[in-house]
PDB file of N, CA and C in Angstrom:
ATOM      1  N   UNK A   1      -0.868  -4.878  12.422  1.00  0.00           N
ATOM      2  CA  UNK A   1      -0.733  -3.603  13.126  1.00  0.00           C
ATOM      3  C   UNK A   1      -1.907  -2.648  12.755  1.00  0.00           C
ATOM      4  N   UNK A   2      -2.273  -1.842  13.584  1.00  0.00           N
ATOM      5  CA  UNK A   2      -3.362  -0.932  13.187  1.00  0.00           C
ATOM      6  C   UNK A   2      -2.889   0.470  12.898  1.00  0.00           C
ATOM      7  N   UNK A   3      -3.792   1.197  12.295  1.00  0.00           N
ATOM      8  CA  UNK A   3      -3.515   2.648  11.954  1.00  0.00           C
ATOM      9  C   UNK A   3      -3.331   3.428  13.219  1.00  0.00           C
ATOM     10  N   UNK A   4      -2.222   4.279  13.229  1.00  0.00           N
ATOM     11  CA  UNK A   4      -1.939   5.173  14.322  1.00  0.00           C
ATOM     12  C   UNK A   4      -2.509   6.523  14.014  1.00  0.00           C
ATOM     13  N   UNK A   5      -3.152   7.222  14.991  1.00  0.00           N
ATOM     14  CA  UNK A   5      -3.692   8.527  14.804  1.00  0.00           C
ATOM     15  C   UNK A   5      -2.649   9.534  15.209  1.00  0.00           C
ATOM     16  N   UNK A   6      -2.094  10.360  14.403  1.00  0.00           N
ATOM     17  CA  UNK A   6      -1.052  11.344  14.810  1.00  0.00           C
ATOM     18  C   UNK A   6      -1.704  12.693  15.072  1.00  0.00           C
ATOM     19  N   UNK A   7      -1.099  13.338  16.133  1.00  0.00           N
ATOM     20  CA  UNK A   7      -1.555  14.621  16.597  1.00  0.00           C
ATOM     21  C   UNK A   7      -0.227  15.404  16.752  1.00  0.00           C
ATOM     22  N   UNK A   8      -0.480  16.676  16.869  1.00  0.00           N
ATOM     23  CA  UNK A   8       0.675  17.583  17.229  1.00  0.00           C
ATOM     24  C   UNK A   8       1.589  17.046  18.361  1.00  0.00           C
ATOM     25  N   UNK A   9       0.777  16.389  19.362  1.00  0.00           N
ATOM     26  CA  UNK A   9       1.448  16.051  20.623  1.00  0.00           C
ATOM     27  C   UNK A   9       2.339  14.802  20.314  1.00  0.00           C
ATOM     28  N   UNK A  10       1.909  13.901  19.434  1.00  0.00           N
ATOM     29  CA  UNK A  10       2.638  12.607  19.256  1.00  0.00           C
ATOM     30  C   UNK A  10       3.374  12.547  17.949  1.00  0.00           C
ATOM     31  N   UNK A  11       3.316  13.569  17.057  1.00  0.00           N
ATOM     32  CA  UNK A  11       3.993  13.499  15.782  1.00  0.00           C
ATOM     33  C   UNK A  11       5.435  13.239  15.864  1.00  0.00           C
ATOM     34  N   UNK A  12       6.137  13.949  16.752  1.00  0.00           N
ATOM     35  CA  UNK A  12       7.513  13.717  16.847  1.00  0.00           C
ATOM     36  C   UNK A  12       7.860  12.254  17.210  1.00  0.00           C
ATOM     37  N   UNK A  13       7.280  11.696  18.252  1.00  0.00           N
ATOM     38  CA  UNK A  13       7.541  10.353  18.686  1.00  0.00           C
ATOM     39  C   UNK A  13       7.045   9.312  17.670  1.00  0.00           C
ATOM     40  N   UNK A  14       5.960   9.593  16.995  1.00  0.00           N
ATOM     41  CA  UNK A  14       5.347   8.605  16.137  1.00  0.00           C
ATOM     42  C   UNK A  14       5.942   8.624  14.713  1.00  0.00           C
ATOM     43  N   UNK A  15       6.293   9.847  14.352  1.00  0.00           N
ATOM     44  CA  UNK A  15       6.745   9.960  12.844  1.00  0.00           C
ATOM     45  C   UNK A  15       8.295  10.379  12.864  1.00  0.00           C
ATOM     46  N   UNK A  16       8.672  11.383  13.363  1.00  0.00           N
ATOM     47  CA  UNK A  16      10.015  11.830  13.283  1.00  0.00           C
ATOM     48  C   UNK A  16      11.076  10.861  13.895  1.00  0.00           C
ATOM     49  N   UNK A  17      10.712  10.386  15.041  1.00  0.00           N
ATOM     50  CA  UNK A  17      11.685   9.541  15.775  1.00  0.00           C
ATOM     51  C   UNK A  17      11.544   8.011  15.391  1.00  0.00           C
ATOM     52  N   UNK A  18      10.655   7.673  14.521  1.00  0.00           N
ATOM     53  CA  UNK A  18      10.372   6.298  14.150  1.00  0.00           C
ATOM     54  C   UNK A  18      11.701   5.641  13.417  1.00  0.00           C
ATOM     55  N   UNK A  19      11.944   4.424  13.796  1.00  0.00           N
ATOM     56  CA  UNK A  19      13.072   3.683  13.120  1.00  0.00           C
ATOM     57  C   UNK A  19      12.592   2.973  11.906  1.00  0.00           C
ATOM     58  N   UNK A  20      11.290   3.136  11.561  1.00  0.00           N
ATOM     59  CA  UNK A  20      10.687   2.557  10.325  1.00  0.00           C
ATOM     60  C   UNK A  20      10.115   3.643   9.428  1.00  0.00           C
ATOM     61  N   UNK A  21       9.909   3.343   8.199  1.00  0.00           N
ATOM     62  CA  UNK A  21       9.270   4.159   7.299  1.00  0.00           C
ATOM     63  C   UNK A  21       7.895   4.439   7.856  1.00  0.00           C
ATOM     64  N   UNK A  22       7.425   5.758   7.681  1.00  0.00           N
ATOM     65  CA  UNK A  22       6.059   6.151   8.127  1.00  0.00           C
ATOM     66  C   UNK A  22       5.172   6.677   7.059  1.00  0.00           C
ATOM     67  N   UNK A  23       4.011   6.170   6.794  1.00  0.00           N
ATOM     68  CA  UNK A  23       3.065   6.705   5.823  1.00  0.00           C
ATOM     69  C   UNK A  23       2.039   7.511   6.598  1.00  0.00           C
ATOM     70  N   UNK A  24       1.898   8.845   6.321  1.00  0.00           N
ATOM     71  CA  UNK A  24       0.883   9.664   7.074  1.00  0.00           C
ATOM     72  C   UNK A  24      -0.177  10.015   6.003  1.00  0.00           C
ATOM     73  N   UNK A  25      -1.353   9.660   6.292  1.00  0.00           N
ATOM     74  CA  UNK A  25      -2.489  10.030   5.525  1.00  0.00           C
ATOM     75  C   UNK A  25      -3.127  11.273   6.050  1.00  0.00           C
ATOM     76  N   UNK A  26      -3.031  12.394   5.432  1.00  0.00           N
ATOM     77  CA  UNK A  26      -3.694  13.595   5.764  1.00  0.00           C
ATOM     78  C   UNK A  26      -5.055  13.609   5.151  1.00  0.00           C
ATOM     79  N   UNK A  27      -6.156  13.706   6.021  1.00  0.00           N
ATOM     80  CA  UNK A  27      -7.454  13.562   5.557  1.00  0.00           C
ATOM     81  C   UNK A  27      -8.474  14.432   6.292  1.00  0.00           C
ATOM     82  N   UNK A  28      -9.689  14.358   5.968  1.00  0.00           N
ATOM     83  CA  UNK A  28     -10.804  15.110   6.647  1.00  0.00           C
ATOM     84  C   UNK A  28     -12.093  14.317   6.489  1.00  0.00           C
ATOM     85  N   UNK A  29     -12.866  14.435   7.471  1.00  0.00           N
ATOM     86  CA  UNK A  29     -14.149  13.741   7.543  1.00  0.00           C
ATOM     87  C   UNK A  29     -15.100  14.019   6.312  1.00  0.00           C
ATOM     88  N   UNK A  30     -15.043  15.321   5.840  1.00  0.00           N
ATOM     89  CA  UNK A  30     -15.947  15.838   4.805  1.00  0.00           C
ATOM     90  C   UNK A  30     -15.423  15.401   3.469  1.00  0.00           C
ATOM     91  N   UNK A  31     -14.225  14.794   3.370  1.00  0.00           N
ATOM     92  CA  UNK A  31     -13.593  14.607   2.110  1.00  0.00           C
ATOM     93  C   UNK A  31     -13.957  13.170   1.468  1.00  0.00           C
ATOM     94  N   UNK A  32     -14.725  13.146   0.373  1.00  0.00           N
ATOM     95  CA  UNK A  32     -15.230  11.942  -0.217  1.00  0.00           C
ATOM     96  C   UNK A  32     -14.071  11.028  -0.663  1.00  0.00           C
ATOM     97  N   UNK A  33     -13.044  11.527  -1.370  1.00  0.00           N
ATOM     98  CA  UNK A  33     -11.908  10.655  -1.714  1.00  0.00           C
ATOM     99  C   UNK A  33     -11.167  10.163  -0.437  1.00  0.00           C
ATOM    100  N   UNK A  34     -11.088  10.893   0.574  1.00  0.00           N
ATOM    101  CA  UNK A  34     -10.495  10.483   1.804  1.00  0.00           C
ATOM    102  C   UNK A  34     -11.218   9.168   2.399  1.00  0.00           C
ATOM    103  N   UNK A  35     -12.550   9.261   2.358  1.00  0.00           N
ATOM    104  CA  UNK A  35     -13.340   8.137   2.879  1.00  0.00           C
ATOM    105  C   UNK A  35     -13.176   6.913   1.977  1.00  0.00           C
ATOM    106  N   UNK A  36     -12.975   7.125   0.679  1.00  0.00           N
ATOM    107  CA  UNK A  36     -12.829   6.088  -0.254  1.00  0.00           C
ATOM    108  C   UNK A  36     -11.384   5.417   0.021  1.00  0.00           C
ATOM    109  N   UNK A  37     -10.397   6.211   0.360  1.00  0.00           N
ATOM    110  CA  UNK A  37      -9.093   5.608   0.542  1.00  0.00           C
ATOM    111  C   UNK A  37      -8.850   5.004   2.013  1.00  0.00           C
ATOM    112  N   UNK A  38      -9.737   5.383   2.936  1.00  0.00           N
ATOM    113  CA  UNK A  38      -9.595   4.914   4.318  1.00  0.00           C
ATOM    114  C   UNK A  38      -9.479   3.410   4.418  1.00  0.00           C
ATOM    115  N   UNK A  39     -10.342   2.542   3.754  1.00  0.00           N
ATOM    116  CA  UNK A  39     -10.197   1.160   3.826  1.00  0.00           C
ATOM    117  C   UNK A  39      -8.866   0.629   3.372  1.00  0.00           C
ATOM    118  N   UNK A  40      -8.318   1.294   2.330  1.00  0.00           N
ATOM    119  CA  UNK A  40      -7.071   0.910   1.764  1.00  0.00           C
ATOM    120  C   UNK A  40      -5.927   1.182   2.771  1.00  0.00           C
ATOM    121  N   UNK A  41      -5.956   2.234   3.511  1.00  0.00           N
ATOM    122  CA  UNK A  41      -5.045   2.636   4.562  1.00  0.00           C
ATOM    123  C   UNK A  41      -5.100   1.583   5.658  1.00  0.00           C
ATOM    124  N   UNK A  42      -6.294   1.166   6.015  1.00  0.00           N
ATOM    125  CA  UNK A  42      -6.516   0.143   7.094  1.00  0.00           C
ATOM    126  C   UNK A  42      -5.856  -1.265   6.605  1.00  0.00           C
ATOM    127  N   UNK A  43      -6.056  -1.531   5.308  1.00  0.00           N
ATOM    128  CA  UNK A  43      -5.588  -2.881   4.787  1.00  0.00           C
ATOM    129  C   UNK A  43      -4.023  -2.805   4.752  1.00  0.00           C
ATOM    130  N   UNK A  44      -3.416  -1.661   4.351  1.00  0.00           N
ATOM    131  CA  UNK A  44      -2.013  -1.542   4.321  1.00  0.00           C
ATOM    132  C   UNK A  44      -1.395  -1.745   5.731  1.00  0.00           C
ATOM    133  N   UNK A  45      -2.082  -1.154   6.713  1.00  0.00           N
ATOM    134  CA  UNK A  45      -1.587  -1.250   8.170  1.00  0.00           C
ATOM    135  C   UNK A  45      -1.565  -2.742   8.483  1.00  0.00           C
ATOM    136  N   UNK A  46      -2.624  -3.451   8.157  1.00  0.00           N
ATOM    137  CA  UNK A  46      -2.789  -4.827   8.565  1.00  0.00           C
ATOM    138  C   UNK A  46      -1.703  -5.697   7.812  1.00  0.00           C
ATOM    139  N   UNK A  47      -1.581  -5.394   6.518  1.00  0.00           N
ATOM    140  CA  UNK A  47      -0.628  -6.212   5.657  1.00  0.00           C
ATOM    141  C   UNK A  47       0.829  -5.948   5.963  1.00  0.00           C
ATOM    142  N   UNK A  48       1.206  -4.669   6.267  1.00  0.00           N
ATOM    143  CA  UNK A  48       2.566  -4.355   6.428  1.00  0.00           C
ATOM    144  C   UNK A  48       3.061  -4.720   7.874  1.00  0.00           C
ATOM    145  N   UNK A  49       2.108  -4.904   8.758  1.00  0.00           N
ATOM    146  CA  UNK A  49       2.461  -5.226  10.126  1.00  0.00           C
ATOM    147  C   UNK A  49       3.521  -4.280  10.795  1.00  0.00           C
ATOM    148  N   UNK A  50       4.596  -4.811  11.235  1.00  0.00           N
ATOM    149  CA  UNK A  50       5.577  -3.909  11.915  1.00  0.00           C
ATOM    150  C   UNK A  50       6.713  -3.466  10.951  1.00  0.00           C
ATOM    151  N   UNK A  51       6.559  -3.736   9.625  1.00  0.00           N
ATOM    152  CA  UNK A  51       7.566  -3.228   8.654  1.00  0.00           C
ATOM    153  C   UNK A  51       7.563  -1.664   8.571  1.00  0.00           C
ATOM    154  N   UNK A  52       6.339  -1.086   8.717  1.00  0.00           N
ATOM    155  CA  UNK A  52       6.280   0.286   8.610  1.00  0.00           C
ATOM    156  C   UNK A  52       5.174   0.759   9.494  1.00  0.00           C
ATOM    157  N   UNK A  53       5.148   2.131   9.778  1.00  0.00           N
ATOM    158  CA  UNK A  53       4.048   2.705  10.535  1.00  0.00           C
ATOM    159  C   UNK A  53       3.067   3.345   9.674  1.00  0.00           C
ATOM    160  N   UNK A  54       1.802   2.948   9.688  1.00  0.00           N
ATOM    161  CA  UNK A  54       0.779   3.595   8.837  1.00  0.00           C
ATOM    162  C   UNK A  54      -0.075   4.486   9.814  1.00  0.00           C
ATOM    163  N   UNK A  55      -0.103   5.755   9.525  1.00  0.00           N
ATOM    164  CA  UNK A  55      -0.740   6.752  10.385  1.00  0.00           C
ATOM    165  C   UNK A  55      -1.834   7.655   9.619  1.00  0.00           C
ATOM    166  N   UNK A  56      -2.695   8.290  10.323  1.00  0.00           N
ATOM    167  CA  UNK A  56      -3.635   9.146   9.769  1.00  0.00           C
ATOM    168  C   UNK A  56      -3.656  10.461  10.544  1.00  0.00           C
ATOM    169  N   UNK A  57      -3.858  11.594   9.850  1.00  0.00           N
ATOM    170  CA  UNK A  57      -3.858  12.839  10.518  1.00  0.00           C
ATOM    171  C   UNK A  57      -5.071  13.659  10.046  1.00  0.00           C
ATOM    172  N   UNK A  58      -5.953  13.904  10.900  1.00  0.00           N
ATOM    173  CA  UNK A  58      -7.137  14.605  10.549  1.00  0.00           C
ATOM    174  C   UNK A  58      -6.793  16.163  10.448  1.00  0.00           C
ATOM    175  N   UNK A  59      -6.867  16.687   9.188  1.00  0.00           N
ATOM    176  CA  UNK A  59      -6.422  18.057   8.986  1.00  0.00           C
ATOM    177  C   UNK A  59      -7.281  19.145   9.782  1.00  0.00           C
ATOM    178  N   UNK A  60      -8.540  18.708   9.979  1.00  0.00           N
ATOM    179  CA  UNK A  60      -9.367  19.630  10.704  1.00  0.00           C
ATOM    180  C   UNK A  60      -8.938  19.774  12.244  1.00  0.00           C
ATOM    181  N   UNK A  61      -8.593  18.627  12.842  1.00  0.00           N
ATOM    182  CA  UNK A  61      -8.201  18.663  14.223  1.00  0.00           C
ATOM    183  C   UNK A  61      -6.757  19.080  14.328  1.00  0.00           C
ATOM    184  N   UNK A  62      -5.926  18.869  13.252  1.00  0.00           N
ATOM    185  CA  UNK A  62      -4.493  19.131  13.424  1.00  0.00           C
ATOM    186  C   UNK A  62      -4.048  20.155  12.417  1.00  0.00           C
ATOM    187  N   UNK A  63      -4.688  21.239  12.448  1.00  0.00           N
ATOM    188  CA  UNK A  63      -4.382  22.376  11.446  1.00  0.00           C
ATOM    189  C   UNK A  63      -2.906  22.814  11.438  1.00  0.00           C
ATOM    190  N   UNK A  64      -2.235  22.693  12.500  1.00  0.00           N
ATOM    191  CA  UNK A  64      -0.855  23.075  12.589  1.00  0.00           C
ATOM    192  C   UNK A  64       0.060  22.176  11.797  1.00  0.00           C
ATOM    193  N   UNK A  65      -0.272  20.835  11.922  1.00  0.00           N
ATOM    194  CA  UNK A  65       0.544  19.883  11.129  1.00  0.00           C
ATOM    195  C   UNK A  65       0.207  19.994   9.646  1.00  0.00           C
ATOM    196  N   UNK A  66      -1.096  20.220   9.306  1.00  0.00           N
ATOM    197  CA  UNK A  66      -1.531  20.341   7.893  1.00  0.00           C
ATOM    198  C   UNK A  66      -0.660  21.637   7.255  1.00  0.00           C
ATOM    199  N   UNK A  67      -0.552  22.696   8.030  1.00  0.00           N
ATOM    200  CA  UNK A  67       0.119  23.891   7.644  1.00  0.00           C
ATOM    201  C   UNK A  67       1.632  23.658   7.505  1.00  0.00           C
ATOM    202  N   UNK A  68       2.157  22.935   8.537  1.00  0.00           N
ATOM    203  CA  UNK A  68       3.573  22.599   8.546  1.00  0.00           C
ATOM    204  C   UNK A  68       4.011  21.957   7.255  1.00  0.00           C
ATOM    205  N   UNK A  69       3.141  20.980   6.770  1.00  0.00           N
ATOM    206  CA  UNK A  69       3.561  20.185   5.586  1.00  0.00           C
ATOM    207  C   UNK A  69       2.894  20.747   4.315  1.00  0.00           C
ATOM    208  N   UNK A  70       2.300  21.905   4.402  1.00  0.00           N
ATOM    209  CA  UNK A  70       1.675  22.616   3.272  1.00  0.00           C
ATOM    210  C   UNK A  70       0.731  21.731   2.585  1.00  0.00           C
ATOM    211  N   UNK A  71      -0.148  21.119   3.339  1.00  0.00           N
ATOM    212  CA  UNK A  71      -1.098  20.273   2.765  1.00  0.00           C
ATOM    213  C   UNK A  71      -2.194  21.157   1.982  1.00  0.00           C
ATOM    214  N   UNK A  72      -2.316  21.008   0.726  1.00  0.00           N
ATOM    215  CA  UNK A  72      -3.270  21.960  -0.019  1.00  0.00           C
ATOM    216  C   UNK A  72      -4.383  21.081  -0.711  1.00  0.00           C
ATOM    217  N   UNK A  73      -4.221  19.796  -0.823  1.00  0.00           N
ATOM    218  CA  UNK A  73      -5.130  18.884  -1.362  1.00  0.00           C
ATOM    219  C   UNK A  73      -5.166  17.627  -0.618  1.00  0.00           C
ATOM    220  N   UNK A  74      -6.386  17.075  -0.371  1.00  0.00           N
ATOM    221  CA  UNK A  74      -6.401  15.808   0.324  1.00  0.00           C
ATOM    222  C   UNK A  74      -7.254  14.790  -0.478  1.00  0.00           C
ATOM    223  N   UNK A  75      -6.996  13.466  -0.335  1.00  0.00           N
ATOM    224  CA  UNK A  75      -6.018  12.940   0.595  1.00  0.00           C
ATOM    225  C   UNK A  75      -4.549  13.184   0.123  1.00  0.00           C
ATOM    226  N   UNK A  76      -3.775  13.399   1.062  1.00  0.00           N
ATOM    227  CA  UNK A  76      -2.272  13.575   0.857  1.00  0.00           C
ATOM    228  C   UNK A  76      -1.557  12.583   1.738  1.00  0.00           C
ATOM    229  N   UNK A  77      -0.818  11.687   1.078  1.00  0.00           N
ATOM    230  CA  UNK A  77      -0.045  10.626   1.730  1.00  0.00           C
ATOM    231  C   UNK A  77       1.420  11.081   1.743  1.00  0.00           C
ATOM    232  N   UNK A  78       1.951  11.391   2.895  1.00  0.00           N
ATOM    233  CA  UNK A  78       3.427  11.733   3.032  1.00  0.00           C
ATOM    234  C   UNK A  78       4.141  10.483   3.619  1.00  0.00           C
ATOM    235  N   UNK A  79       5.285  10.191   3.022  1.00  0.00           N
ATOM    236  CA  UNK A  79       6.102   9.082   3.424  1.00  0.00           C
ATOM    237  C   UNK A  79       7.343   9.649   4.115  1.00  0.00           C
ATOM    238  N   UNK A  80       7.647   9.240   5.320  1.00  0.00           N
ATOM    239  CA  UNK A  80       8.843   9.736   6.136  1.00  0.00           C
ATOM    240  C   UNK A  80       9.793   8.579   6.337  1.00  0.00           C
ATOM    241  N   UNK A  81      10.980   8.940   6.263  1.00  0.00           N
ATOM    242  CA  UNK A  81      12.101   7.982   6.681  1.00  0.00           C
ATOM    243  C   UNK A  81      13.190   8.668   7.332  1.00  0.00           C
ATOM    244  N   UNK A  82      13.586   8.254   8.529  1.00  0.00           N
ATOM    245  CA  UNK A  82      14.714   8.963   9.211  1.00  0.00           C
ATOM    246  C   UNK A  82      14.258  10.417   9.598  1.00  0.00           C
ATOM    247  N   UNK A  83      13.101  10.618   9.874  1.00  0.00           N
ATOM    248  CA  UNK A  83      12.572  11.955  10.303  1.00  0.00           C
ATOM    249  C   UNK A  83      12.318  12.912   9.216  1.00  0.00           C
ATOM    250  N   UNK A  84      12.589  12.474   8.015  1.00  0.00           N
ATOM    251  CA  UNK A  84      12.475  13.391   6.863  1.00  0.00           C
ATOM    252  C   UNK A  84      11.313  12.912   5.830  1.00  0.00           C
ATOM    253  N   UNK A  85      10.633  13.875   5.217  1.00  0.00           N
ATOM    254  CA  UNK A  85       9.719  13.465   4.213  1.00  0.00           C
ATOM    255  C   UNK A  85      10.452  13.048   2.993  1.00  0.00           C
ATOM    256  N   UNK A  86      10.236  11.932   2.394  1.00  0.00           N
ATOM    257  CA  UNK A  86      10.900  11.363   1.356  1.00  0.00           C
ATOM    258  C   UNK A  86      10.133  11.167   0.115  1.00  0.00           C
ATOM    259  N   UNK A  87       8.745  11.157   0.272  1.00  0.00           N
ATOM    260  CA  UNK A  87       7.863  11.001  -0.866  1.00  0.00           C
ATOM    261  C   UNK A  87       6.587  11.442  -0.528  1.00  0.00           C
ATOM    262  N   UNK A  88       5.598  11.711  -1.552  1.00  0.00           N
ATOM    263  CA  UNK A  88       4.296  12.197  -1.380  1.00  0.00           C
ATOM    264  C   UNK A  88       3.399  11.694  -2.421  1.00  0.00           C
ATOM    265  N   UNK A  89       2.210  11.332  -2.040  1.00  0.00           N
ATOM    266  CA  UNK A  89       1.226  10.887  -3.016  1.00  0.00           C
ATOM    267  C   UNK A  89      -0.023  11.708  -2.767  1.00  0.00           C
ATOM    268  N   UNK A  90      -0.609  12.442  -3.737  1.00  0.00           N
ATOM    269  CA  UNK A  90      -1.838  13.222  -3.626  1.00  0.00           C
ATOM    270  C   UNK A  90      -2.901  12.591  -4.409  1.00  0.00           C
ATOM    271  N   UNK A  91      -4.039  12.441  -3.715  1.00  0.00           N
ATOM    272  CA  UNK A  91      -5.271  11.886  -4.424  1.00  0.00           C
ATOM    273  C   UNK A  91      -5.321  10.425  -4.090  1.00  0.00           C
ATOM    274  N   UNK A  92      -6.337   9.757  -4.622  1.00  0.00           N
ATOM    275  CA  UNK A  92      -6.597   8.360  -4.420  1.00  0.00           C
ATOM    276  C   UNK A  92      -5.838   7.579  -5.419  1.00  0.00           C
ATOM    277  N   UNK A  93      -4.986   6.692  -4.973  1.00  0.00           N
ATOM    278  CA  UNK A  93      -4.215   5.881  -5.883  1.00  0.00           C
ATOM    279  C   UNK A  93      -4.456   4.364  -5.449  1.00  0.00           C
ATOM    280  N   UNK A  94      -4.073   3.463  -6.311  1.00  0.00           N
ATOM    281  CA  UNK A  94      -4.325   2.071  -6.066  1.00  0.00           C
ATOM    282  C   UNK A  94      -3.403   1.598  -4.880  1.00  0.00           C
ATOM    283  N   UNK A  95      -3.902   0.621  -4.149  1.00  0.00           N
ATOM    284  CA  UNK A  95      -3.138   0.184  -3.021  1.00  0.00           C
ATOM    285  C   UNK A  95      -1.735  -0.256  -3.335  1.00  0.00           C
ATOM    286  N   UNK A  96      -1.665  -0.954  -4.452  1.00  0.00           N
ATOM    287  CA  UNK A  96      -0.321  -1.536  -4.944  1.00  0.00           C
ATOM    288  C   UNK A  96       0.677  -0.378  -5.065  1.00  0.00           C
ATOM    289  N   UNK A  97       0.192   0.771  -5.656  1.00  0.00           N
ATOM    290  CA  UNK A  97       1.121   1.900  -5.891  1.00  0.00           C
ATOM    291  C   UNK A  97       1.561   2.439  -4.621  1.00  0.00           C
ATOM    292  N   UNK A  98       0.674   2.632  -3.676  1.00  0.00           N
ATOM    293  CA  UNK A  98       1.099   3.142  -2.286  1.00  0.00           C
ATOM    294  C   UNK A  98       2.024   2.302  -1.568  1.00  0.00           C
ATOM    295  N   UNK A  99       1.652   0.959  -1.670  1.00  0.00           N
ATOM    296  CA  UNK A  99       2.564   0.014  -0.969  1.00  0.00           C
ATOM    297  C   UNK A  99       3.948  -0.051  -1.621  1.00  0.00           C
ATOM    298  N   UNK A 100       4.062   0.069  -2.881  1.00  0.00           N
ATOM    299  CA  UNK A 100       5.341   0.119  -3.589  1.00  0.00           C
ATOM    300  C   UNK A 100       6.103   1.293  -3.074  1.00  0.00           C
ATOM    301  N   UNK A 101       5.530   2.459  -2.869  1.00  0.00           N
ATOM    302  CA  UNK A 101       6.336   3.625  -2.460  1.00  0.00           C
ATOM    303  C   UNK A 101       6.665   3.553  -0.994  1.00  0.00           C
ATOM    304  N   UNK A 102       5.906   2.857  -0.108  1.00  0.00           N
ATOM    305  CA  UNK A 102       6.299   2.708   1.217  1.00  0.00           C
ATOM    306  C   UNK A 102       7.430   1.592   1.230  1.00  0.00           C
ATOM    307  N   UNK A 103       7.227   0.476   0.443  1.00  0.00           N
ATOM    308  CA  UNK A 103       8.250  -0.587   0.442  1.00  0.00           C
ATOM    309  C   UNK A 103       9.624  -0.090  -0.074  1.00  0.00           C
ATOM    310  N   UNK A 104       9.603   0.911  -0.866  1.00  0.00           N
ATOM    311  CA  UNK A 104      10.858   1.431  -1.444  1.00  0.00           C
ATOM    312  C   UNK A 104      11.603   2.067  -0.328  1.00  0.00           C
ATOM    313  N   UNK A 105      11.092   2.347   0.803  1.00  0.00           N
ATOM    314  CA  UNK A 105      11.780   3.012   1.883  1.00  0.00           C
ATOM    315  C   UNK A 105      12.228   2.013   2.952  1.00  0.00           C
ATOM    316  N   UNK A 106      11.888   0.722   2.801  1.00  0.00           N
ATOM    317  CA  UNK A 106      12.233  -0.262   3.768  1.00  0.00           C
ATOM    318  C   UNK A 106      13.783  -0.560   3.793  1.00  0.00           C
TER     319      UNK A 106
END
């Protein structure tokens, strides 16, 4: 499965109404650590297949979503389950750690 790009228009259907855990990577093009984490997010999407939804949200294009979730530092990875935020990872972390946190919600 590939990374889904979330926007204000599709956030509810993609994240809130998902029957699977959802990892949302809040990022920006100008953010060096975000660019470093991007291949890890792509790999997780491919490896996890249809077990979880792996998504990205560009905070520059989606300022409303960034404000709604009080994103102060990026990259910020929010994990949702049943429409609720259940976990958060801020900064660049190893893929294994991110995967463990997503798998804990399966």
